[in-house]
Amino acid sequence: MVDSKKSHRPNYFIIKIWIMKKNVGIWIDTHLAVVIKLSNGEHTVKTIESNIDTRVRTPGESKKYGRFDGHYITYEKNWANKKLEQTREFLKILLNEIEDCDALVLFGPSIMKTIFEKEIKNNFNLIGKLSGVFDADSMTENQMVAWVKDFYKK
């Protein structure tokens, strides 16, 4: 007979494993990106310079075009191609930096964050990890860290 006054205890234990997420926030501008990684209650900050030339003047250049045997070549196309290549290299470095994250948020003052958002959406490993893209003014490093911590508390 079973005594109804005894409490029934299960024969197994439920083990809860708490895995901390690797949350990343990136403040991005044309000139640099600040990568803020949050994990286990700690944060790390890494600044990456873009090396994108925004104002280029070739030494000895006086005209906005070159004349070669009746053909006119503008330097604007060369500048645009060089800037595009430098932008791609910068975004490639950032993609390598965030490949092991669980969640990602982008914020900053320039158009570079939307360009980076498009790159992330083209990457199948990162497409579901993007939590949002937000406009933000120039900030100090401490303000950036506080912004990212506040974002992930929500």
N, C-alpha and C. Protein backbone atom coordinates (compact mmCIF):
# COMPACT_ATOMS: atom_id res chain seq x y z
N MET A 1 0.81 -1.17 0.00
CA MET A 1 0.00 0.00 0.00
C MET A 1 0.86 1.23 0.00
N VAL A 2 0.40 2.26 -0.67
CA VAL A 2 1.11 3.53 -0.76
C VAL A 2 0.54 4.48 0.26
N ASP A 3 1.42 5.05 1.04
CA ASP A 3 1.00 6.01 2.05
C ASP A 3 0.76 7.35 1.38
N SER A 4 -0.44 7.87 1.46
CA SER A 4 -0.80 9.11 0.78
C SER A 4 -0.24 10.34 1.48
N LYS A 5 0.25 10.18 2.71
CA LYS A 5 0.79 11.32 3.44
C LYS A 5 2.23 11.65 3.01
N LYS A 6 2.94 10.70 2.43
CA LYS A 6 4.30 10.94 1.98
C LYS A 6 4.27 11.75 0.68
N SER A 7 5.21 12.64 0.58
CA SER A 7 5.28 13.39 -0.68
C SER A 7 5.97 12.54 -1.73
N HIS A 8 5.50 12.68 -2.90
CA HIS A 8 6.05 11.92 -4.01
C HIS A 8 7.24 12.69 -4.59
N ARG A 9 8.42 12.11 -4.56
CA ARG A 9 9.62 12.75 -5.09
C ARG A 9 10.04 12.03 -6.36
N PRO A 10 10.41 12.80 -7.36
CA PRO A 10 10.86 12.15 -8.60
C PRO A 10 12.25 11.55 -8.42
N ASN A 11 12.56 10.58 -9.25
CA ASN A 11 13.84 9.88 -9.18
C ASN A 11 14.94 10.58 -9.99
N TYR A 12 14.66 11.66 -10.53
CA TYR A 12 15.64 12.33 -11.39
C TYR A 12 15.79 13.79 -10.96
N PHE A 13 16.87 14.36 -11.37
CA PHE A 13 17.14 15.77 -11.10
C PHE A 13 17.19 16.54 -12.41
N ILE A 14 16.65 17.70 -12.36
CA ILE A 14 16.72 18.55 -13.54
C ILE A 14 17.95 19.45 -13.38
N ILE A 15 18.82 19.35 -14.31
CA ILE A 15 20.04 20.14 -14.26
C ILE A 15 19.90 21.30 -15.24
N LYS A 16 20.05 22.48 -14.72
CA LYS A 16 19.98 23.66 -15.57
C LYS A 16 21.39 24.12 -15.87
N ILE A 17 21.66 24.28 -17.12
CA ILE A 17 22.96 24.77 -17.55
C ILE A 17 22.76 26.18 -18.08
N TRP A 18 23.43 27.11 -17.45
CA TRP A 18 23.34 28.50 -17.87
C TRP A 18 24.53 28.82 -18.77
N ILE A 19 24.23 29.07 -19.97
CA ILE A 19 25.28 29.44 -20.92
C ILE A 19 25.12 30.93 -21.22
N MET A 20 26.16 31.66 -20.95
CA MET A 20 26.13 33.09 -21.22
C MET A 20 26.28 33.32 -22.72
N LYS A 21 25.47 34.21 -23.20
CA LYS A 21 25.54 34.56 -24.61
C LYS A 21 26.72 35.49 -24.86
N LYS A 22 27.24 35.43 -26.06
CA LYS A 22 28.27 36.36 -26.49
C LYS A 22 27.56 37.46 -27.27
N ASN A 23 27.22 38.53 -26.58
CA ASN A 23 26.54 39.65 -27.21
C ASN A 23 27.58 40.66 -27.67
N VAL A 24 27.36 41.19 -28.87
CA VAL A 24 28.31 42.13 -29.46
C VAL A 24 27.57 43.38 -29.91
N GLY A 25 28.18 44.52 -29.64
CA GLY A 25 27.69 45.79 -30.15
C GLY A 25 28.81 46.46 -30.92
N ILE A 26 28.49 47.02 -32.07
CA ILE A 26 29.50 47.69 -32.88
C ILE A 26 29.06 49.12 -33.17
N TRP A 27 29.85 50.07 -32.69
CA TRP A 27 29.68 51.47 -33.07
C TRP A 27 30.56 51.64 -34.29
N ILE A 28 29.95 52.02 -35.41
CA ILE A 28 30.69 52.05 -36.67
C ILE A 28 30.56 53.40 -37.34
N ASP A 29 31.68 53.83 -37.89
CA ASP A 29 31.78 55.08 -38.62
C ASP A 29 32.66 54.80 -39.85
N THR A 30 32.79 55.77 -40.73
CA THR A 30 33.62 55.58 -41.92
C THR A 30 35.09 55.42 -41.54
N HIS A 31 35.51 56.03 -40.46
CA HIS A 31 36.92 56.02 -40.09
C HIS A 31 37.31 54.88 -39.16
N LEU A 32 36.39 54.41 -38.32
CA LEU A 32 36.73 53.34 -37.38
C LEU A 32 35.48 52.62 -36.90
N ALA A 33 35.73 51.49 -36.27
CA ALA A 33 34.65 50.72 -35.62
C ALA A 33 35.13 50.34 -34.23
N VAL A 34 34.21 50.41 -33.27
CA VAL A 34 34.49 50.01 -31.90
C VAL A 34 33.64 48.77 -31.62
N VAL A 35 34.31 47.64 -31.42
CA VAL A 35 33.63 46.36 -31.19
C VAL A 35 33.60 46.11 -29.69
N ILE A 36 32.38 46.01 -29.14
CA ILE A 36 32.19 45.80 -27.71
C ILE A 36 31.57 44.41 -27.53
N LYS A 37 32.31 43.53 -26.86
CA LYS A 37 31.86 42.16 -26.64
C LYS A 37 31.49 41.99 -25.17
N LEU A 38 30.27 41.49 -24.95
CA LEU A 38 29.79 41.22 -23.59
C LEU A 38 29.68 39.70 -23.41
N SER A 39 30.30 39.20 -22.36
CA SER A 39 30.23 37.77 -22.09
C SER A 39 30.54 37.54 -20.61
N ASN A 40 29.73 36.74 -19.95
CA ASN A 40 29.91 36.40 -18.53
C ASN A 40 29.99 37.64 -17.65
N GLY A 41 29.25 38.66 -17.97
CA GLY A 41 29.23 39.87 -17.16
C GLY A 41 30.42 40.79 -17.38
N GLU A 42 31.34 40.40 -18.21
CA GLU A 42 32.53 41.21 -18.52
C GLU A 42 32.39 41.79 -19.92
N HIS A 43 33.14 42.86 -20.17
CA HIS A 43 33.14 43.43 -21.51
C HIS A 43 34.57 43.66 -21.99
N THR A 44 34.74 43.52 -23.28
CA THR A 44 36.01 43.84 -23.92
C THR A 44 35.73 44.83 -25.04
N VAL A 45 36.66 45.73 -25.24
CA VAL A 45 36.51 46.76 -26.27
C VAL A 45 37.70 46.69 -27.21
N LYS A 46 37.41 46.68 -28.50
CA LYS A 46 38.47 46.65 -29.51
C LYS A 46 38.16 47.71 -30.56
N THR A 47 39.13 48.56 -30.85
CA THR A 47 38.96 49.60 -31.86
C THR A 47 39.68 49.17 -33.13
N ILE A 48 38.96 49.23 -34.25
CA ILE A 48 39.51 48.85 -35.54
C ILE A 48 39.42 50.04 -36.48
N GLU A 49 40.55 50.48 -36.99
CA GLU A 49 40.56 51.60 -37.94
C GLU A 49 40.27 51.08 -39.34
N SER A 50 39.57 51.91 -40.12
CA SER A 50 39.11 51.46 -41.43
C SER A 50 40.13 51.64 -42.54
N ASN A 51 41.01 52.63 -42.43
CA ASN A 51 41.97 52.96 -43.48
C ASN A 51 41.29 53.32 -44.81
N ILE A 52 40.06 53.80 -44.74
CA ILE A 52 39.35 54.25 -45.94
C ILE A 52 39.73 55.70 -46.18
N ASP A 53 40.26 55.97 -47.36
CA ASP A 53 40.63 57.33 -47.73
C ASP A 53 39.38 58.08 -48.18
N THR A 54 39.01 59.10 -47.44
CA THR A 54 37.81 59.86 -47.79
C THR A 54 38.16 61.09 -48.63
N ARG A 55 39.35 61.63 -48.45
CA ARG A 55 39.81 62.77 -49.24
C ARG A 55 41.18 62.41 -49.81
N VAL A 56 41.19 62.10 -51.09
CA VAL A 56 42.43 61.67 -51.71
C VAL A 56 42.87 62.70 -52.74
N ARG A 57 44.12 63.05 -52.67
CA ARG A 57 44.71 63.90 -53.70
C ARG A 57 46.02 63.27 -54.10
N THR A 58 46.14 62.94 -55.37
CA THR A 58 47.36 62.35 -55.87
C THR A 58 48.39 63.45 -56.07
N PRO A 59 49.60 63.26 -55.58
CA PRO A 59 50.63 64.30 -55.75
C PRO A 59 50.88 64.62 -57.22
N GLY A 60 50.98 65.91 -57.53
CA GLY A 60 51.23 66.35 -58.90
C GLY A 60 49.98 66.48 -59.74
N GLU A 61 48.84 66.18 -59.17
CA GLU A 61 47.59 66.22 -59.92
C GLU A 61 47.05 67.66 -59.91
N SER A 62 46.78 68.18 -61.08
CA SER A 62 46.28 69.55 -61.13
C SER A 62 44.88 69.64 -61.71
N LYS A 63 44.55 68.76 -62.62
CA LYS A 63 43.23 68.78 -63.24
C LYS A 63 42.39 67.63 -62.69
N LYS A 64 41.09 67.75 -62.90
CA LYS A 64 40.19 66.68 -62.47
C LYS A 64 40.08 65.58 -63.51
N TYR A 65 40.83 65.71 -64.59
CA TYR A 65 40.81 64.70 -65.64
C TYR A 65 42.21 64.60 -66.22
N GLY A 66 42.48 63.53 -66.92
CA GLY A 66 43.75 63.35 -67.62
C GLY A 66 43.49 63.20 -69.10
N ARG A 67 44.38 63.72 -69.91
CA ARG A 67 44.19 63.64 -71.36
C ARG A 67 45.28 62.76 -71.92
N PHE A 68 44.87 61.69 -72.57
CA PHE A 68 45.80 60.76 -73.17
C PHE A 68 45.41 60.53 -74.62
N ASP A 69 46.13 61.20 -75.51
CA ASP A 69 45.95 61.02 -76.95
C ASP A 69 44.48 61.15 -77.38
N GLY A 70 43.86 62.22 -76.97
CA GLY A 70 42.48 62.48 -77.37
C GLY A 70 41.43 61.84 -76.47
N HIS A 71 41.85 61.03 -75.50
CA HIS A 71 40.92 60.39 -74.57
C HIS A 71 41.00 61.10 -73.24
N TYR A 72 39.86 61.31 -72.64
CA TYR A 72 39.82 61.95 -71.33
C TYR A 72 39.44 60.91 -70.28
N ILE A 73 40.23 60.83 -69.26
CA ILE A 73 39.98 59.87 -68.18
C ILE A 73 39.82 60.65 -66.89
N THR A 74 38.71 60.42 -66.20
CA THR A 74 38.52 61.10 -64.92
C THR A 74 39.11 60.26 -63.80
N TYR A 75 39.61 60.94 -62.81
CA TYR A 75 40.18 60.25 -61.66
C TYR A 75 39.10 59.82 -60.67
N GLU A 76 37.89 60.35 -60.83
CA GLU A 76 36.80 60.04 -59.90
C GLU A 76 36.48 58.54 -59.89
N LYS A 77 36.52 57.92 -61.07
CA LYS A 77 36.22 56.50 -61.14
C LYS A 77 37.29 55.68 -60.40
N ASN A 78 38.54 56.07 -60.55
CA ASN A 78 39.61 55.37 -59.83
C ASN A 78 39.46 55.55 -58.33
N TRP A 79 39.11 56.76 -57.88
CA TRP A 79 38.91 57.02 -56.46
C TRP A 79 37.76 56.19 -55.92
N ALA A 80 36.67 56.11 -56.68
CA ALA A 80 35.50 55.35 -56.23
C ALA A 80 35.85 53.86 -56.09
N ASN A 81 36.59 53.33 -57.05
CA ASN A 81 36.99 51.92 -56.99
C ASN A 81 37.91 51.65 -55.80
N LYS A 82 38.84 52.57 -55.55
CA LYS A 82 39.76 52.41 -54.43
C LYS A 82 39.01 52.47 -53.10
N LYS A 83 38.06 53.40 -52.98
CA LYS A 83 37.27 53.52 -51.76
C LYS A 83 36.40 52.27 -51.54
N LEU A 84 35.83 51.74 -52.62
CA LEU A 84 35.01 50.53 -52.53
C LEU A 84 35.85 49.34 -52.06
N GLU A 85 37.06 49.21 -52.59
CA GLU A 85 37.94 48.13 -52.18
C GLU A 85 38.35 48.26 -50.72
N GLN A 86 38.64 49.47 -50.28
CA GLN A 86 39.01 49.70 -48.88
C GLN A 86 37.83 49.41 -47.95
N THR A 87 36.62 49.76 -48.38
CA THR A 87 35.42 49.49 -47.59
C THR A 87 35.20 47.99 -47.46
N ARG A 88 35.36 47.26 -48.54
CA ARG A 88 35.20 45.80 -48.51
C ARG A 88 36.19 45.15 -47.56
N GLU A 89 37.43 45.62 -47.58
CA GLU A 89 38.46 45.08 -46.70
C GLU A 89 38.12 45.35 -45.23
N PHE A 90 37.63 46.55 -44.94
CA PHE A 90 37.23 46.93 -43.58
C PHE A 90 36.09 46.04 -43.08
N LEU A 91 35.08 45.84 -43.91
CA LEU A 91 33.93 45.03 -43.52
C LEU A 91 34.31 43.56 -43.37
N LYS A 92 35.26 43.10 -44.16
CA LYS A 92 35.74 41.72 -44.04
C LYS A 92 36.43 41.50 -42.69
N ILE A 93 37.20 42.48 -42.24
CA ILE A 93 37.85 42.40 -40.93
C ILE A 93 36.79 42.36 -39.82
N LEU A 94 35.74 43.18 -39.96
CA LEU A 94 34.67 43.20 -38.96
C LEU A 94 33.89 41.88 -38.95
N LEU A 95 33.64 41.31 -40.10
CA LEU A 95 32.93 40.03 -40.16
C LEU A 95 33.72 38.93 -39.45
N ASN A 96 35.03 38.93 -39.61
CA ASN A 96 35.87 37.95 -38.90
C ASN A 96 35.82 38.16 -37.39
N GLU A 97 35.66 39.39 -36.98
CA GLU A 97 35.63 39.74 -35.56
C GLU A 97 34.35 39.24 -34.88
N ILE A 98 33.23 39.13 -35.62
CA ILE A 98 31.93 38.81 -35.01
C ILE A 98 31.40 37.43 -35.38
N GLU A 99 32.20 36.59 -36.01
CA GLU A 99 31.68 35.32 -36.50
C GLU A 99 31.23 34.36 -35.40
N ASP A 100 31.74 34.52 -34.17
CA ASP A 100 31.36 33.60 -33.09
C ASP A 100 30.36 34.20 -32.11
N CYS A 101 29.72 35.32 -32.46
CA CYS A 101 28.79 35.96 -31.54
C CYS A 101 27.41 35.30 -31.60
N ASP A 102 26.61 35.53 -30.55
CA ASP A 102 25.25 35.02 -30.50
C ASP A 102 24.23 36.08 -30.88
N ALA A 103 24.54 37.34 -30.58
CA ALA A 103 23.65 38.45 -30.92
C ALA A 103 24.51 39.66 -31.26
N LEU A 104 23.99 40.49 -32.17
CA LEU A 104 24.75 41.63 -32.67
C LEU A 104 23.85 42.84 -32.84
N VAL A 105 24.36 44.01 -32.44
CA VAL A 105 23.65 45.26 -32.66
C VAL A 105 24.64 46.25 -33.27
N LEU A 106 24.18 47.01 -34.26
CA LEU A 106 24.99 48.03 -34.92
C LEU A 106 24.43 49.40 -34.58
N PHE A 107 25.32 50.35 -34.30
CA PHE A 107 24.88 51.71 -34.06
C PHE A 107 26.01 52.66 -34.43
N GLY A 108 25.64 53.87 -34.79
CA GLY A 108 26.65 54.85 -35.16
C GLY A 108 26.05 55.96 -36.00
N PRO A 109 26.87 56.98 -36.31
CA PRO A 109 26.35 58.16 -37.00
C PRO A 109 26.36 58.08 -38.52
N SER A 110 27.12 57.20 -39.11
CA SER A 110 27.30 57.27 -40.57
C SER A 110 26.49 56.21 -41.31
N ILE A 111 26.59 56.28 -42.63
CA ILE A 111 25.90 55.34 -43.52
C ILE A 111 26.58 53.97 -43.50
N MET A 112 27.78 53.91 -42.94
CA MET A 112 28.55 52.66 -42.93
C MET A 112 27.80 51.54 -42.21
N LYS A 113 26.98 51.86 -41.23
CA LYS A 113 26.25 50.82 -40.50
C LYS A 113 25.23 50.13 -41.40
N THR A 114 24.61 50.85 -42.33
CA THR A 114 23.66 50.21 -43.25
C THR A 114 24.39 49.39 -44.31
N ILE A 115 25.57 49.84 -44.71
CA ILE A 115 26.38 49.05 -45.65
C ILE A 115 26.80 47.74 -44.98
N PHE A 116 27.21 47.83 -43.71
CA PHE A 116 27.59 46.63 -42.96
C PHE A 116 26.39 45.72 -42.72
N GLU A 117 25.22 46.31 -42.51
CA GLU A 117 24.00 45.52 -42.34
C GLU A 117 23.72 44.68 -43.59
N LYS A 118 23.92 45.26 -44.76
CA LYS A 118 23.72 44.51 -46.02
C LYS A 118 24.71 43.35 -46.13
N GLU A 119 25.96 43.59 -45.70
CA GLU A 119 26.96 42.52 -45.72
C GLU A 119 26.56 41.38 -44.78
N ILE A 120 26.04 41.74 -43.61
CA ILE A 120 25.62 40.73 -42.64
C ILE A 120 24.44 39.93 -43.20
N LYS A 121 23.51 40.60 -43.86
CA LYS A 121 22.35 39.90 -44.42
C LYS A 121 22.74 38.98 -45.57
N ASN A 122 23.90 39.21 -46.19
CA ASN A 122 24.40 38.33 -47.23
C ASN A 122 25.18 37.14 -46.66
N ASN A 123 25.48 37.17 -45.37
CA ASN A 123 26.22 36.10 -44.70
C ASN A 123 25.21 35.20 -43.98
N PHE A 124 25.10 33.95 -44.42
CA PHE A 124 24.10 33.04 -43.87
C PHE A 124 24.34 32.70 -42.40
N ASN A 125 25.57 32.74 -41.94
CA ASN A 125 25.86 32.42 -40.54
C ASN A 125 25.44 33.53 -39.59
N LEU A 126 25.37 34.76 -40.08
CA LEU A 126 25.10 35.92 -39.21
C LEU A 126 23.72 36.52 -39.40
N ILE A 127 22.97 36.09 -40.38
CA ILE A 127 21.71 36.76 -40.73
C ILE A 127 20.70 36.76 -39.58
N GLY A 128 20.63 35.71 -38.80
CA GLY A 128 19.67 35.64 -37.70
C GLY A 128 20.17 36.26 -36.40
N LYS A 129 21.42 36.65 -36.36
CA LYS A 129 22.01 37.18 -35.14
C LYS A 129 21.89 38.69 -35.00
N LEU A 130 21.54 39.36 -36.07
CA LEU A 130 21.45 40.82 -36.05
C LEU A 130 20.20 41.25 -35.29
N SER A 131 20.39 41.94 -34.18
CA SER A 131 19.28 42.37 -33.32
C SER A 131 18.72 43.73 -33.72
N GLY A 132 19.53 44.56 -34.36
CA GLY A 132 19.03 45.87 -34.75
C GLY A 132 20.14 46.78 -35.24
N VAL A 133 19.70 47.84 -35.94
CA VAL A 133 20.61 48.87 -36.44
C VAL A 133 20.03 50.21 -36.01
N PHE A 134 20.82 51.02 -35.30
CA PHE A 134 20.32 52.25 -34.72
C PHE A 134 21.24 53.43 -35.02
N ASP A 135 20.64 54.61 -35.14
CA ASP A 135 21.40 55.84 -35.26
C ASP A 135 21.90 56.25 -33.89
N ALA A 136 23.13 56.72 -33.85
CA ALA A 136 23.70 57.21 -32.59
C ALA A 136 24.74 58.28 -32.92
N ASP A 137 24.90 59.21 -32.03
CA ASP A 137 25.89 60.26 -32.21
C ASP A 137 27.27 59.74 -31.85
N SER A 138 28.25 60.60 -32.01
CA SER A 138 29.60 60.27 -31.56
C SER A 138 29.57 60.13 -30.05
N MET A 139 30.27 59.12 -29.54
CA MET A 139 30.25 58.82 -28.12
C MET A 139 31.65 58.52 -27.62
N THR A 140 31.82 58.63 -26.31
CA THR A 140 33.06 58.16 -25.71
C THR A 140 32.98 56.64 -25.58
N GLU A 141 34.11 56.03 -25.27
CA GLU A 141 34.14 54.58 -25.14
C GLU A 141 33.22 54.10 -24.02
N ASN A 142 33.21 54.80 -22.89
CA ASN A 142 32.35 54.42 -21.77
C ASN A 142 30.87 54.54 -22.14
N GLN A 143 30.52 55.57 -22.90
CA GLN A 143 29.13 55.73 -23.34
C GLN A 143 28.73 54.59 -24.27
N MET A 144 29.64 54.17 -25.14
CA MET A 144 29.35 53.05 -26.05
C MET A 144 29.10 51.76 -25.28
N VAL A 145 29.96 51.49 -24.29
CA VAL A 145 29.80 50.28 -23.48
C VAL A 145 28.47 50.32 -22.74
N ALA A 146 28.13 51.47 -22.16
CA ALA A 146 26.86 51.62 -21.44
C ALA A 146 25.67 51.44 -22.38
N TRP A 147 25.78 51.96 -23.60
CA TRP A 147 24.69 51.84 -24.58
C TRP A 147 24.45 50.37 -24.91
N VAL A 148 25.53 49.61 -25.14
CA VAL A 148 25.40 48.19 -25.49
C VAL A 148 24.84 47.40 -24.31
N LYS A 149 25.32 47.67 -23.09
CA LYS A 149 24.80 46.97 -21.91
C LYS A 149 23.32 47.26 -21.71
N ASP A 150 22.90 48.52 -21.90
CA ASP A 150 21.48 48.87 -21.78
C ASP A 150 20.65 48.17 -22.85
N PHE A 151 21.19 48.07 -24.05
CA PHE A 151 20.45 47.41 -25.14
C PHE A 151 20.17 45.94 -24.82
N TYR A 152 21.15 45.24 -24.30
CA TYR A 152 20.99 43.81 -24.03
C TYR A 152 20.26 43.52 -22.72
N LYS A 153 20.06 44.51 -21.88
CA LYS A 153 19.26 44.30 -20.66
C LYS A 153 17.79 44.18 -20.99
N LYS A 154 17.37 44.75 -22.10
CA LYS A 154 15.95 44.75 -22.49
C LYS A 154 15.46 43.39 -22.84
